[in-house]
Amino acid sequence: MSIYKITLKNCAFFARHGVFNEEETLGQRFFVDAVLDVDGAESLIDDEIEGTVDYGLAFGVIERIITGKRRFLIEALALETAKAICKEFSMVKRAEITIRKPNAPVQGVLDYVEVTIVHEPDGES
């Protein structure tokens, strides 16, 4: 078995997640990193897209989740994203999703709030 990583770095989306009503009303940018551990099997040897992850399609899955249903917690949003990636691509054995929220409602100066979730599907459907 050949395991390799695909990384999608700093994917940017406008969405309306957060606890406060203003976050839903105003919305903000969210930035997502996805690190996917992929079982390459024969696709690496054969140099074929079948049997691996099309990262354009993976970006679309991330976009659908991030711009979809409002979540109060970016932790829940990261977990939902990781599960969706693993469900869409059976060859993903581990998904690590990081979400950055640059305009978090914090009284103080910071670049962003960031959470990272690691999900390993272990045969779940």
Protein backbone atom coordinates (compact mmCIF):
# COMPACT_ATOMS: atom_id res chain seq x y z
CA MET A 1 0.00 0.00 0.00
CA SER A 2 1.33 3.44 -0.97
CA ILE A 3 0.05 6.32 1.16
CA TYR A 4 0.60 9.88 0.02
CA LYS A 5 -0.71 13.30 1.02
CA ILE A 6 -2.72 15.79 -0.94
CA THR A 7 -2.82 19.26 0.59
CA LEU A 8 -5.25 22.01 -0.35
CA LYS A 9 -3.91 25.14 1.33
CA ASN A 10 -5.70 28.35 2.23
CA CYS A 11 -8.96 27.75 0.35
CA ALA A 12 -11.03 30.92 0.86
CA PHE A 13 -14.81 31.10 1.21
CA PHE A 14 -17.40 33.62 2.33
CA ALA A 15 -19.83 32.13 4.85
CA ARG A 16 -22.00 32.92 7.87
CA HIS A 17 -20.83 30.69 10.73
CA GLY A 18 -20.62 31.64 14.38
CA VAL A 19 -22.53 31.94 17.62
CA PHE A 20 -23.54 35.59 17.32
CA ASN A 21 -26.39 36.84 15.13
CA GLU A 22 -24.09 39.48 13.62
CA GLU A 23 -21.87 36.72 12.28
CA GLU A 24 -24.80 35.28 10.39
CA THR A 25 -26.03 38.68 9.22
CA LEU A 26 -22.67 40.06 8.09
CA GLY A 27 -20.81 36.87 7.19
CA GLN A 28 -17.05 36.74 6.78
CA ARG A 29 -14.21 34.95 5.06
CA PHE A 30 -13.08 31.53 6.25
CA PHE A 31 -9.86 29.85 5.19
CA VAL A 32 -9.51 26.08 4.98
CA ASP A 33 -6.55 23.73 4.74
CA ALA A 34 -7.18 20.08 3.95
CA VAL A 35 -4.48 17.44 4.32
CA LEU A 36 -5.66 14.14 2.90
CA ASP A 37 -3.84 10.84 3.39
CA VAL A 38 -4.64 8.82 0.30
CA ASP A 39 -4.17 5.13 -0.40
CA GLY A 40 -2.61 5.35 -3.84
CA ALA A 41 -2.86 1.66 -4.72
CA GLU A 42 -2.31 1.16 -8.44
CA SER A 43 -3.18 4.71 -9.49
CA LEU A 44 0.37 5.93 -8.79
CA ILE A 45 1.95 3.13 -10.78
CA ASP A 46 -0.50 3.48 -13.65
CA ASP A 47 -0.45 7.32 -13.55
CA GLU A 48 -4.26 7.48 -13.72
CA ILE A 49 -6.74 9.78 -11.99
CA GLU A 50 -9.12 6.88 -11.34
CA GLY A 51 -8.45 5.51 -7.88
CA THR A 52 -7.08 8.74 -6.51
CA VAL A 53 -8.51 12.08 -5.39
CA ASP A 54 -9.34 14.72 -7.97
CA TYR A 55 -8.43 17.78 -5.94
CA GLY A 56 -10.74 19.98 -8.00
CA LEU A 57 -13.63 17.80 -6.86
CA ALA A 58 -12.26 17.80 -3.30
CA PHE A 59 -12.26 21.61 -3.35
CA GLY A 60 -15.90 21.49 -4.44
CA VAL A 61 -16.83 19.25 -1.49
CA ILE A 62 -15.10 21.64 0.90
CA GLU A 63 -16.83 24.64 -0.69
CA ARG A 64 -20.26 22.98 -0.45
CA ILE A 65 -19.86 22.35 3.27
CA ILE A 66 -18.25 25.68 4.19
CA THR A 67 -20.75 27.78 2.24
CA GLY A 68 -23.72 25.62 3.24
CA LYS A 69 -25.61 25.23 6.49
CA ARG A 70 -24.68 27.65 9.26
CA ARG A 71 -22.69 26.15 12.13
CA PHE A 72 -22.17 27.81 15.49
CA LEU A 73 -18.80 26.10 15.99
CA ILE A 74 -16.02 26.01 13.43
CA GLU A 75 -15.01 22.76 15.14
CA ALA A 76 -18.31 21.20 14.00
CA LEU A 77 -17.79 22.69 10.55
CA ALA A 78 -14.31 21.14 10.31
CA LEU A 79 -15.61 17.72 11.37
CA GLU A 80 -18.46 17.84 8.86
CA THR A 81 -15.97 18.78 6.13
CA ALA A 82 -13.59 15.95 7.03
CA LYS A 83 -16.42 13.40 7.06
CA ALA A 84 -17.74 14.63 3.70
CA ILE A 85 -14.30 14.33 2.09
CA CYS A 86 -13.86 10.77 3.44
CA LYS A 87 -17.35 9.80 2.29
CA GLU A 88 -16.84 11.22 -1.20
CA PHE A 89 -13.40 9.65 -1.68
CA SER A 90 -13.09 6.14 -0.27
CA MET A 91 -9.33 6.16 -0.85
CA VAL A 92 -8.89 8.94 1.77
CA LYS A 93 -7.76 7.15 4.91
CA ARG A 94 -7.33 10.28 7.03
CA ALA A 95 -8.55 13.85 6.60
CA GLU A 96 -7.08 16.71 8.58
CA ILE A 97 -9.13 19.88 8.20
CA THR A 98 -8.03 23.26 9.53
CA ILE A 99 -10.38 26.24 9.49
CA ARG A 100 -9.24 29.79 10.14
CA LYS A 101 -11.64 32.54 11.13
CA PRO A 102 -9.83 35.90 10.81
CA ASN A 103 -12.65 38.07 12.13
CA ALA A 104 -13.52 36.11 15.25
CA PRO A 105 -15.46 38.23 17.75
CA VAL A 106 -12.64 38.50 20.28
CA GLN A 107 -11.89 41.64 22.26
CA GLY A 108 -8.27 41.96 21.34
CA VAL A 109 -5.93 41.91 18.40
CA LEU A 110 -5.22 38.62 16.66
CA ASP A 111 -4.64 37.34 13.16
CA TYR A 112 -7.23 34.58 13.33
CA VAL A 113 -8.73 31.78 15.37
CA GLU A 114 -7.91 28.33 14.01
CA VAL A 115 -9.15 24.82 14.72
CA THR A 116 -7.93 21.51 13.32
CA ILE A 117 -9.90 18.26 13.25
CA VAL A 118 -8.49 14.88 12.25
CA HIS A 119 -10.94 12.25 11.00
CA GLU A 120 -10.20 8.63 10.08
CA PRO A 121 -13.30 6.94 8.64
CA ASP A 122 -12.53 3.35 9.81
CA GLY A 123 -15.20 1.86 7.61
CA GLU A 124 -18.03 4.19 8.59
CA SER A 125 -20.62 4.95 5.98
